[in-house]
Amino acid sequence: MARVDHIEDVLVHLHTGQWFGWSDSKNKVYENLVIHGGQEKPTKEFLESELASRQSEHDAQEYARNRKAEYPSIEECVHAILDDQLDDLQGKRQAVKAKYPK
C-alpha cells in the first residue's frame, strides 16, 4: 500500500464512482473541490484528519514492510531445513529484526 499524500487519496475511498472533481485540476485544494450528484461535501477538517491518520498508520507499519522484503524467502528456508542450517537462517532473521525494530 502506498502512502497517501493528498486529500484526493482520501476522497477516492469515501464513495464509488466519479463523485467529486476539481474546479481547477491544476490546483487541487479543498476550496476547488466540487461534489457531483447527491453526495455531501466532506469538511476540510475531516479530510485533513483522515489524511494524517492514514499517513500515521502507513508510517507505523513501515518496519513490517521492510522486514518482509528482507526476510529469507521460502526457498531459502527450505534449503536451510534440508541442509541442516537452521542456525544460519535464524541469524539472518535476527539481523533483519535488529535492522528494523518494532
PDB file of N, CA and C in Angstrom:
ATOM      1  N   MET A   1       0.840  -1.171   0.000  1.00  0.00           N
ATOM      2  CA  MET A   1       0.000   0.000   0.000  1.00  0.00           C
ATOM      3  C   MET A   1       0.893   1.245   0.000  1.00  0.00           C
ATOM      4  N   ALA A   2       0.583   2.146  -0.901  1.00  0.00           N
ATOM      5  CA  ALA A   2       1.356   3.375  -0.995  1.00  0.00           C
ATOM      6  C   ALA A   2       0.888   4.375   0.066  1.00  0.00           C
ATOM      7  N   ARG A   3       1.804   5.229   0.436  1.00  0.00           N
ATOM      8  CA  ARG A   3       1.487   6.261   1.411  1.00  0.00           C
ATOM      9  C   ARG A   3       0.594   7.307   0.750  1.00  0.00           C
ATOM     10  N   VAL A   4      -0.460   7.711   1.435  1.00  0.00           N
ATOM     11  CA  VAL A   4      -1.341   8.756   0.919  1.00  0.00           C
ATOM     12  C   VAL A   4      -0.704  10.116   1.170  1.00  0.00           C
ATOM     13  N   ASP A   5      -0.776  10.995   0.164  1.00  0.00           N
ATOM     14  CA  ASP A   5      -0.101  12.283   0.279  1.00  0.00           C
ATOM     15  C   ASP A   5      -1.003  13.488   0.028  1.00  0.00           C
ATOM     16  N   HIS A   6      -2.276  13.231  -0.288  1.00  0.00           N
ATOM     17  CA  HIS A   6      -3.151  14.335  -0.666  1.00  0.00           C
ATOM     18  C   HIS A   6      -4.586  13.984  -0.280  1.00  0.00           C
ATOM     19  N   ILE A   7      -5.399  15.007  -0.068  1.00  0.00           N
ATOM     20  CA  ILE A   7      -6.789  14.737   0.293  1.00  0.00           C
ATOM     21  C   ILE A   7      -7.512  13.961  -0.805  1.00  0.00           C
ATOM     22  N   GLU A   8      -7.050  14.054  -2.034  1.00  0.00           N
ATOM     23  CA  GLU A   8      -7.656  13.285  -3.127  1.00  0.00           C
ATOM     24  C   GLU A   8      -7.531  11.782  -2.868  1.00  0.00           C
ATOM     25  N   ASP A   9      -6.413  11.375  -2.240  1.00  0.00           N
ATOM     26  CA  ASP A   9      -6.214   9.965  -1.893  1.00  0.00           C
ATOM     27  C   ASP A   9      -7.266   9.489  -0.892  1.00  0.00           C
ATOM     28  N   VAL A  10      -7.731  10.373  -0.055  1.00  0.00           N
ATOM     29  CA  VAL A  10      -8.788  10.049   0.906  1.00  0.00           C
ATOM     30  C   VAL A  10     -10.148  10.036   0.196  1.00  0.00           C
ATOM     31  N   LEU A  11     -10.373  11.020  -0.636  1.00  0.00           N
ATOM     32  CA  LEU A  11     -11.659  11.157  -1.327  1.00  0.00           C
ATOM     33  C   LEU A  11     -12.005   9.944  -2.183  1.00  0.00           C
ATOM     34  N   VAL A  12     -11.025   9.390  -2.884  1.00  0.00           N
ATOM     35  CA  VAL A  12     -11.320   8.281  -3.800  1.00  0.00           C
ATOM     36  C   VAL A  12     -11.820   7.044  -3.058  1.00  0.00           C
ATOM     37  N   HIS A  13     -11.577   6.958  -1.762  1.00  0.00           N
ATOM     38  CA  HIS A  13     -12.004   5.797  -0.990  1.00  0.00           C
ATOM     39  C   HIS A  13     -13.298   6.023  -0.193  1.00  0.00           C
ATOM     40  N   LEU A  14     -13.836   7.224  -0.247  1.00  0.00           N
ATOM     41  CA  LEU A  14     -15.051   7.503   0.512  1.00  0.00           C
ATOM     42  C   LEU A  14     -16.302   6.972  -0.172  1.00  0.00           C
ATOM     43  N   HIS A  15     -16.363   7.074  -1.494  1.00  0.00           N
ATOM     44  CA  HIS A  15     -17.527   6.632  -2.266  1.00  0.00           C
ATOM     45  C   HIS A  15     -17.050   6.028  -3.576  1.00  0.00           C
ATOM     46  N   THR A  16     -17.923   5.289  -4.229  1.00  0.00           N
ATOM     47  CA  THR A  16     -17.566   4.703  -5.522  1.00  0.00           C
ATOM     48  C   THR A  16     -17.947   5.657  -6.650  1.00  0.00           C
ATOM     49  N   GLY A  17     -17.334   5.447  -7.793  1.00  0.00           N
ATOM     50  CA  GLY A  17     -17.644   6.260  -8.962  1.00  0.00           C
ATOM     51  C   GLY A  17     -16.976   7.626  -8.925  1.00  0.00           C
ATOM     52  N   GLN A  18     -17.266   8.400  -9.941  1.00  0.00           N
ATOM     53  CA  GLN A  18     -16.696   9.751 -10.050  1.00  0.00           C
ATOM     54  C   GLN A  18     -17.624  10.739  -9.360  1.00  0.00           C
ATOM     55  N   TRP A  19     -17.557  10.780  -8.043  1.00  0.00           N
ATOM     56  CA  TRP A  19     -18.477  11.597  -7.259  1.00  0.00           C
ATOM     57  C   TRP A  19     -17.921  12.981  -6.926  1.00  0.00           C
ATOM     58  N   PHE A  20     -16.648  13.196  -7.255  1.00  0.00           N
ATOM     59  CA  PHE A  20     -16.062  14.511  -6.998  1.00  0.00           C
ATOM     60  C   PHE A  20     -15.151  14.900  -8.160  1.00  0.00           C
ATOM     61  N   GLY A  21     -14.821  16.168  -8.209  1.00  0.00           N
ATOM     62  CA  GLY A  21     -13.879  16.681  -9.195  1.00  0.00           C
ATOM     63  C   GLY A  21     -13.265  17.961  -8.654  1.00  0.00           C
ATOM     64  N   TRP A  22     -12.577  18.675  -9.524  1.00  0.00           N
ATOM     65  CA  TRP A  22     -11.888  19.903  -9.125  1.00  0.00           C
ATOM     66  C   TRP A  22     -12.271  21.025 -10.091  1.00  0.00           C
ATOM     67  N   SER A  23     -12.570  22.197  -9.566  1.00  0.00           N
ATOM     68  CA  SER A  23     -12.870  23.338 -10.436  1.00  0.00           C
ATOM     69  C   SER A  23     -11.605  23.800 -11.154  1.00  0.00           C
ATOM     70  N   ASP A  24     -10.443  23.513 -10.579  1.00  0.00           N
ATOM     71  CA  ASP A  24      -9.143  23.791 -11.216  1.00  0.00           C
ATOM     72  C   ASP A  24      -8.284  22.553 -11.009  1.00  0.00           C
ATOM     73  N   SER A  25      -8.179  21.728 -12.046  1.00  0.00           N
ATOM     74  CA  SER A  25      -7.470  20.448 -11.910  1.00  0.00           C
ATOM     75  C   SER A  25      -5.964  20.606 -11.704  1.00  0.00           C
ATOM     76  N   LYS A  26      -5.450  21.810 -11.915  1.00  0.00           N
ATOM     77  CA  LYS A  26      -4.016  22.044 -11.676  1.00  0.00           C
ATOM     78  C   LYS A  26      -3.758  22.567 -10.267  1.00  0.00           C
ATOM     79  N   ASN A  27      -4.839  22.853  -9.551  1.00  0.00           N
ATOM     80  CA  ASN A  27      -4.725  23.372  -8.193  1.00  0.00           C
ATOM     81  C   ASN A  27      -5.734  22.631  -7.318  1.00  0.00           C
ATOM     82  N   LYS A  28      -5.377  21.411  -6.954  1.00  0.00           N
ATOM     83  CA  LYS A  28      -6.292  20.537  -6.206  1.00  0.00           C
ATOM     84  C   LYS A  28      -6.216  20.828  -4.714  1.00  0.00           C
ATOM     85  N   VAL A  29      -6.923  21.870  -4.327  1.00  0.00           N
ATOM     86  CA  VAL A  29      -7.035  22.252  -2.925  1.00  0.00           C
ATOM     87  C   VAL A  29      -8.502  22.151  -2.535  1.00  0.00           C
ATOM     88  N   TYR A  30      -8.758  22.098  -1.252  1.00  0.00           N
ATOM     89  CA  TYR A  30     -10.129  21.916  -0.765  1.00  0.00           C
ATOM     90  C   TYR A  30     -11.096  22.938  -1.359  1.00  0.00           C
ATOM     91  N   GLU A  31     -10.641  24.163  -1.475  1.00  0.00           N
ATOM     92  CA  GLU A  31     -11.512  25.224  -1.981  1.00  0.00           C
ATOM     93  C   GLU A  31     -11.954  24.956  -3.428  1.00  0.00           C
ATOM     94  N   ASN A  32     -11.223  24.169  -4.175  1.00  0.00           N
ATOM     95  CA  ASN A  32     -11.567  23.839  -5.558  1.00  0.00           C
ATOM     96  C   ASN A  32     -12.279  22.493  -5.695  1.00  0.00           C
ATOM     97  N   LEU A  33     -12.606  21.861  -4.578  1.00  0.00           N
ATOM     98  CA  LEU A  33     -13.299  20.573  -4.594  1.00  0.00           C
ATOM     99  C   LEU A  33     -14.760  20.768  -4.987  1.00  0.00           C
ATOM    100  N   VAL A  34     -15.193  19.993  -5.986  1.00  0.00           N
ATOM    101  CA  VAL A  34     -16.564  20.056  -6.481  1.00  0.00           C
ATOM    102  C   VAL A  34     -17.192  18.681  -6.290  1.00  0.00           C
ATOM    103  N   ILE A  35     -18.392  18.648  -5.716  1.00  0.00           N
ATOM    104  CA  ILE A  35     -19.096  17.386  -5.469  1.00  0.00           C
ATOM    105  C   ILE A  35     -20.172  17.208  -6.530  1.00  0.00           C
ATOM    106  N   HIS A  36     -20.200  16.017  -7.146  1.00  0.00           N
ATOM    107  CA  HIS A  36     -21.201  15.687  -8.162  1.00  0.00           C
ATOM    108  C   HIS A  36     -22.283  14.820  -7.527  1.00  0.00           C
ATOM    109  N   GLY A  37     -23.494  14.934  -8.012  1.00  0.00           N
ATOM    110  CA  GLY A  37     -24.580  14.096  -7.510  1.00  0.00           C
ATOM    111  C   GLY A  37     -25.041  14.546  -6.142  1.00  0.00           C
ATOM    112  N   GLY A  38     -25.577  13.596  -5.390  1.00  0.00           N
ATOM    113  CA  GLY A  38     -26.175  13.913  -4.102  1.00  0.00           C
ATOM    114  C   GLY A  38     -25.254  13.747  -2.910  1.00  0.00           C
ATOM    115  N   GLN A  39     -23.985  13.511  -3.142  1.00  0.00           N
ATOM    116  CA  GLN A  39     -23.065  13.315  -2.012  1.00  0.00           C
ATOM    117  C   GLN A  39     -22.852  14.628  -1.262  1.00  0.00           C
ATOM    118  N   GLU A  40     -22.644  14.494   0.039  1.00  0.00           N
ATOM    119  CA  GLU A  40     -22.355  15.661   0.862  1.00  0.00           C
ATOM    120  C   GLU A  40     -20.858  15.941   0.818  1.00  0.00           C
ATOM    121  N   LYS A  41     -20.502  17.210   0.760  1.00  0.00           N
ATOM    122  CA  LYS A  41     -19.090  17.591   0.710  1.00  0.00           C
ATOM    123  C   LYS A  41     -18.464  17.385   2.092  1.00  0.00           C
ATOM    124  N   PRO A  42     -17.418  16.548   2.169  1.00  0.00           N
ATOM    125  CA  PRO A  42     -16.744  16.362   3.461  1.00  0.00           C
ATOM    126  C   PRO A  42     -16.091  17.669   3.904  1.00  0.00           C
ATOM    127  N   THR A  43     -15.978  17.851   5.191  1.00  0.00           N
ATOM    128  CA  THR A  43     -15.339  19.075   5.685  1.00  0.00           C
ATOM    129  C   THR A  43     -13.830  18.997   5.458  1.00  0.00           C
ATOM    130  N   LYS A  44     -13.228  20.152   5.376  1.00  0.00           N
ATOM    131  CA  LYS A  44     -11.776  20.235   5.222  1.00  0.00           C
ATOM    132  C   LYS A  44     -11.095  19.591   6.428  1.00  0.00           C
ATOM    133  N   GLU A  45     -11.639  19.811   7.609  1.00  0.00           N
ATOM    134  CA  GLU A  45     -11.062  19.255   8.836  1.00  0.00           C
ATOM    135  C   GLU A  45     -11.090  17.728   8.808  1.00  0.00           C
ATOM    136  N   PHE A  46     -12.228  17.159   8.346  1.00  0.00           N
ATOM    137  CA  PHE A  46     -12.330  15.706   8.263  1.00  0.00           C
ATOM    138  C   PHE A  46     -11.279  15.150   7.303  1.00  0.00           C
ATOM    139  N   LEU A  47     -11.157  15.754   6.120  1.00  0.00           N
ATOM    140  CA  LEU A  47     -10.211  15.252   5.123  1.00  0.00           C
ATOM    141  C   LEU A  47      -8.770  15.353   5.618  1.00  0.00           C
ATOM    142  N   GLU A  48      -8.436  16.455   6.247  1.00  0.00           N
ATOM    143  CA  GLU A  48      -7.076  16.623   6.772  1.00  0.00           C
ATOM    144  C   GLU A  48      -6.795  15.646   7.909  1.00  0.00           C
ATOM    145  N   SER A  49      -7.776  15.436   8.761  1.00  0.00           N
ATOM    146  CA  SER A  49      -7.624  14.490   9.868  1.00  0.00           C
ATOM    147  C   SER A  49      -7.465  13.061   9.352  1.00  0.00           C
ATOM    148  N   GLU A  50      -8.293  12.688   8.377  1.00  0.00           N
ATOM    149  CA  GLU A  50      -8.237  11.347   7.794  1.00  0.00           C
ATOM    150  C   GLU A  50      -6.907  11.129   7.069  1.00  0.00           C
ATOM    151  N   LEU A  51      -6.436  12.157   6.373  1.00  0.00           N
ATOM    152  CA  LEU A  51      -5.148  12.080   5.682  1.00  0.00           C
ATOM    153  C   LEU A  51      -4.022  11.858   6.691  1.00  0.00           C
ATOM    154  N   ALA A  52      -4.021  12.627   7.763  1.00  0.00           N
ATOM    155  CA  ALA A  52      -2.990  12.481   8.796  1.00  0.00           C
ATOM    156  C   ALA A  52      -3.052  11.100   9.445  1.00  0.00           C
ATOM    157  N   SER A  53      -4.251  10.612   9.688  1.00  0.00           N
ATOM    158  CA  SER A  53      -4.420   9.292  10.300  1.00  0.00           C
ATOM    159  C   SER A  53      -3.882   8.187   9.396  1.00  0.00           C
ATOM    160  N   ARG A  54      -4.218   8.256   8.116  1.00  0.00           N
ATOM    161  CA  ARG A  54      -3.745   7.228   7.170  1.00  0.00           C
ATOM    162  C   ARG A  54      -2.232   7.295   6.984  1.00  0.00           C
ATOM    163  N   GLN A  55      -1.676   8.495   6.986  1.00  0.00           N
ATOM    164  CA  GLN A  55      -0.220   8.626   6.879  1.00  0.00           C
ATOM    165  C   GLN A  55       0.462   8.034   8.112  1.00  0.00           C
ATOM    166  N   SER A  56      -0.099   8.307   9.262  1.00  0.00           N
ATOM    167  CA  SER A  56       0.460   7.785  10.504  1.00  0.00           C
ATOM    168  C   SER A  56       0.397   6.263  10.534  1.00  0.00           C
ATOM    169  N   GLU A  57      -0.730   5.701  10.112  1.00  0.00           N
ATOM    170  CA  GLU A  57      -0.895   4.246  10.065  1.00  0.00           C
ATOM    171  C   GLU A  57       0.106   3.617   9.099  1.00  0.00           C
ATOM    172  N   HIS A  58       0.267   4.230   7.950  1.00  0.00           N
ATOM    173  CA  HIS A  58       1.219   3.723   6.954  1.00  0.00           C
ATOM    174  C   HIS A  58       2.637   3.755   7.506  1.00  0.00           C
ATOM    175  N   ASP A  59       3.014   4.877   8.114  1.00  0.00           N
ATOM    176  CA  ASP A  59       4.370   5.021   8.654  1.00  0.00           C
ATOM    177  C   ASP A  59       4.636   4.032   9.783  1.00  0.00           C
ATOM    178  N   ALA A  60       3.617   3.761  10.589  1.00  0.00           N
ATOM    179  CA  ALA A  60       3.775   2.839  11.711  1.00  0.00           C
ATOM    180  C   ALA A  60       4.044   1.416  11.238  1.00  0.00           C
ATOM    181  N   GLN A  61       3.588   1.070  10.056  1.00  0.00           N
ATOM    182  CA  GLN A  61       3.778  -0.283   9.529  1.00  0.00           C
ATOM    183  C   GLN A  61       4.998  -0.401   8.603  1.00  0.00           C
ATOM    184  N   GLU A  62       5.767   0.669   8.479  1.00  0.00           N
ATOM    185  CA  GLU A  62       6.923   0.651   7.579  1.00  0.00           C
ATOM    186  C   GLU A  62       7.924  -0.434   7.971  1.00  0.00           C
ATOM    187  N   TYR A  63       8.142  -0.611   9.260  1.00  0.00           N
ATOM    188  CA  TYR A  63       9.088  -1.628   9.697  1.00  0.00           C
ATOM    189  C   TYR A  63       8.662  -3.014   9.214  1.00  0.00           C
ATOM    190  N   ALA A  64       7.367  -3.297   9.237  1.00  0.00           N
ATOM    191  CA  ALA A  64       6.868  -4.613   8.816  1.00  0.00           C
ATOM    192  C   ALA A  64       7.100  -4.825   7.324  1.00  0.00           C
ATOM    193  N   ARG A  65       6.873  -3.783   6.524  1.00  0.00           N
ATOM    194  CA  ARG A  65       7.115  -3.911   5.083  1.00  0.00           C
ATOM    195  C   ARG A  65       8.595  -4.117   4.807  1.00  0.00           C
ATOM    196  N   ASN A  66       9.441  -3.397   5.516  1.00  0.00           N
ATOM    197  CA  ASN A  66      10.887  -3.552   5.328  1.00  0.00           C
ATOM    198  C   ASN A  66      11.353  -4.948   5.740  1.00  0.00           C
ATOM    199  N   ARG A  67      10.842  -5.423   6.864  1.00  0.00           N
ATOM    200  CA  ARG A  67      11.210  -6.770   7.313  1.00  0.00           C
ATOM    201  C   ARG A  67      10.806  -7.815   6.285  1.00  0.00           C
ATOM    202  N   LYS A  68       9.589  -7.735   5.823  1.00  0.00           N
ATOM    203  CA  LYS A  68       9.075  -8.724   4.865  1.00  0.00           C
ATOM    204  C   LYS A  68       9.942  -8.765   3.610  1.00  0.00           C
ATOM    205  N   ALA A  69      10.383  -7.607   3.164  1.00  0.00           N
ATOM    206  CA  ALA A  69      11.197  -7.538   1.949  1.00  0.00           C
ATOM    207  C   ALA A  69      12.571  -8.193   2.132  1.00  0.00           C
ATOM    208  N   GLU A  70      13.094  -8.175   3.355  1.00  0.00           N
ATOM    209  CA  GLU A  70      14.443  -8.695   3.580  1.00  0.00           C
ATOM    210  C   GLU A  70      14.506 -10.056   4.262  1.00  0.00           C
ATOM    211  N   TYR A  71      13.383 -10.527   4.786  1.00  0.00           N
ATOM    212  CA  TYR A  71      13.391 -11.858   5.410  1.00  0.00           C
ATOM    213  C   TYR A  71      13.809 -12.915   4.391  1.00  0.00           C
ATOM    214  N   PRO A  72      14.397 -14.012   4.865  1.00  0.00           N
ATOM    215  CA  PRO A  72      14.733 -15.109   3.957  1.00  0.00           C
ATOM    216  C   PRO A  72      13.470 -15.611   3.241  1.00  0.00           C
ATOM    217  N   SER A  73      13.624 -15.946   1.968  1.00  0.00           N
ATOM    218  CA  SER A  73      12.486 -16.425   1.183  1.00  0.00           C
ATOM    219  C   SER A  73      12.108 -17.841   1.615  1.00  0.00           C
ATOM    220  N   ILE A  74      10.960 -18.303   1.163  1.00  0.00           N
ATOM    221  CA  ILE A  74      10.526 -19.674   1.431  1.00  0.00           C
ATOM    222  C   ILE A  74      11.582 -20.653   0.904  1.00  0.00           C
ATOM    223  N   GLU A  75      12.092 -20.362  -0.264  1.00  0.00           N
ATOM    224  CA  GLU A  75      13.125 -21.225  -0.864  1.00  0.00           C
ATOM    225  C   GLU A  75      14.354 -21.308   0.047  1.00  0.00           C
ATOM    226  N   GLU A  76      14.791 -20.173   0.559  1.00  0.00           N
ATOM    227  CA  GLU A  76      15.937 -20.169   1.471  1.00  0.00           C
ATOM    228  C   GLU A  76      15.634 -20.973   2.742  1.00  0.00           C
ATOM    229  N   CYS A  77      14.421 -20.841   3.247  1.00  0.00           N
ATOM    230  CA  CYS A  77      14.026 -21.578   4.444  1.00  0.00           C
ATOM    231  C   CYS A  77      14.050 -23.091   4.190  1.00  0.00           C
ATOM    232  N   VAL A  78      13.515 -23.505   3.059  1.00  0.00           N
ATOM    233  CA  VAL A  78      13.503 -24.934   2.723  1.00  0.00           C
ATOM    234  C   VAL A  78      14.933 -25.463   2.615  1.00  0.00           C
ATOM    235  N   HIS A  79      15.797 -24.719   1.938  1.00  0.00           N
ATOM    236  CA  HIS A  79      17.186 -25.152   1.806  1.00  0.00           C
ATOM    237  C   HIS A  79      17.881 -25.223   3.168  1.00  0.00           C
ATOM    238  N   ALA A  80      17.592 -24.258   4.031  1.00  0.00           N
ATOM    239  CA  ALA A  80      18.206 -24.271   5.363  1.00  0.00           C
ATOM    240  C   ALA A  80      17.754 -25.495   6.149  1.00  0.00           C
ATOM    241  N   ILE A  81      16.486 -25.866   6.028  1.00  0.00           N
ATOM    242  CA  ILE A  81      15.968 -27.049   6.725  1.00  0.00           C
ATOM    243  C   ILE A  81      16.626 -28.312   6.170  1.00  0.00           C
ATOM    244  N   LEU A  82      16.655 -28.404   4.847  1.00  0.00           N
ATOM    245  CA  LEU A  82      17.212 -29.607   4.213  1.00  0.00           C
ATOM    246  C   LEU A  82      18.718 -29.727   4.426  1.00  0.00           C
ATOM    247  N   ASP A  83      19.390 -28.609   4.489  1.00  0.00           N
ATOM    248  CA  ASP A  83      20.840 -28.622   4.656  1.00  0.00           C
ATOM    249  C   ASP A  83      21.271 -28.515   6.117  1.00  0.00           C
ATOM    250  N   ASP A  84      20.291 -28.587   7.027  1.00  0.00           N
ATOM    251  CA  ASP A  84      20.558 -28.509   8.461  1.00  0.00           C
ATOM    252  C   ASP A  84      21.326 -27.229   8.817  1.00  0.00           C
ATOM    253  N   GLN A  85      20.824 -26.118   8.307  1.00  0.00           N
ATOM    254  CA  GLN A  85      21.467 -24.821   8.559  1.00  0.00           C
ATOM    255  C   GLN A  85      20.464 -23.849   9.211  1.00  0.00           C
ATOM    256  N   LEU A  86      19.722 -24.378  10.162  1.00  0.00           N
ATOM    257  CA  LEU A  86      18.708 -23.554  10.809  1.00  0.00           C
ATOM    258  C   LEU A  86      19.313 -22.415  11.631  1.00  0.00           C
ATOM    259  N   ASP A  87      20.494 -22.630  12.162  1.00  0.00           N
ATOM    260  CA  ASP A  87      21.142 -21.551  12.926  1.00  0.00           C
ATOM    261  C   ASP A  87      21.456 -20.368  12.017  1.00  0.00           C
ATOM    262  N   ASP A  88      21.915 -20.648  10.797  1.00  0.00           N
ATOM    263  CA  ASP A  88      22.188 -19.568   9.838  1.00  0.00           C
ATOM    264  C   ASP A  88      20.902 -18.818   9.492  1.00  0.00           C
ATOM    265  N   LEU A  89      19.834 -19.576   9.305  1.00  0.00           N
ATOM    266  CA  LEU A  89      18.545 -18.983   8.976  1.00  0.00           C
ATOM    267  C   LEU A  89      18.073 -18.076  10.109  1.00  0.00           C
ATOM    268  N   GLN A  90      18.168 -18.560  11.338  1.00  0.00           N
ATOM    269  CA  GLN A  90      17.772 -17.749  12.493  1.00  0.00           C
ATOM    270  C   GLN A  90      18.640 -16.500  12.595  1.00  0.00           C
ATOM    271  N   GLY A  91      19.922 -16.639  12.284  1.00  0.00           N
ATOM    272  CA  GLY A  91      20.823 -15.484  12.313  1.00  0.00           C
ATOM    273  C   GLY A  91      20.387 -14.412  11.324  1.00  0.00           C
ATOM    274  N   LYS A  92      19.986 -14.832  10.113  1.00  0.00           N
ATOM    275  CA  LYS A  92      19.512 -13.881   9.104  1.00  0.00           C
ATOM    276  C   LYS A  92      18.233 -13.192   9.577  1.00  0.00           C
ATOM    277  N   ARG A  93      17.319 -13.970  10.157  1.00  0.00           N
ATOM    278  CA  ARG A  93      16.066 -13.401  10.638  1.00  0.00           C
ATOM    279  C   ARG A  93      16.311 -12.402  11.766  1.00  0.00           C
ATOM    280  N   GLN A  94      17.207 -12.741  12.681  1.00  0.00           N
ATOM    281  CA  GLN A  94      17.506 -11.844  13.798  1.00  0.00           C
ATOM    282  C   GLN A  94      18.164 -10.552  13.311  1.00  0.00           C
ATOM    283  N   ALA A  95      19.014 -10.684  12.275  1.00  0.00           N
ATOM    284  CA  ALA A  95      19.666  -9.483  11.715  1.00  0.00           C
ATOM    285  C   ALA A  95      18.632  -8.535  11.124  1.00  0.00           C
ATOM    286  N   VAL A  96      17.634  -9.074  10.439  1.00  0.00           N
ATOM    287  CA  VAL A  96      16.575  -8.251   9.867  1.00  0.00           C
ATOM    288  C   VAL A  96      15.747  -7.607  10.983  1.00  0.00           C
ATOM    289  N   LYS A  97      15.427  -8.369  12.014  1.00  0.00           N
ATOM    290  CA  LYS A  97      14.656  -7.813  13.136  1.00  0.00           C
ATOM    291  C   LYS A  97      15.428  -6.699  13.825  1.00  0.00           C
ATOM    292  N   ALA A  98      16.746  -6.863  13.958  1.00  0.00           N
ATOM    293  CA  ALA A  98      17.560  -5.822  14.592  1.00  0.00           C
ATOM    294  C   ALA A  98      17.640  -4.580  13.718  1.00  0.00           C
ATOM    295  N   LYS A  99      17.691  -4.778  12.408  1.00  0.00           N
ATOM    296  CA  LYS A  99      17.774  -3.666  11.466  1.00  0.00           C
ATOM    297  C   LYS A  99      16.473  -2.860  11.448  1.00  0.00           C
ATOM    298  N   TYR A 100      15.330  -3.557  11.583  1.00  0.00           N
ATOM    299  CA  TYR A 100      14.016  -2.907  11.551  1.00  0.00           C
ATOM    300  C   TYR A 100      13.225  -3.249  12.799  1.00  0.00           C
ATOM    301  N   PRO A 101      13.554  -2.633  13.942  1.00  0.00           N
ATOM    302  CA  PRO A 101      12.828  -2.944  15.182  1.00  0.00           C
ATOM    303  C   PRO A 101      11.402  -2.404  15.146  1.00  0.00           C
ATOM    304  N   LYS A 102      10.552  -3.000  15.978  1.00  0.00           N
ATOM    305  CA  LYS A 102       9.143  -2.535  16.076  1.00  0.00           C
ATOM    306  C   LYS A 102       9.084  -1.180  16.713  1.00  0.00           C
TER     307      LYS A 102
END
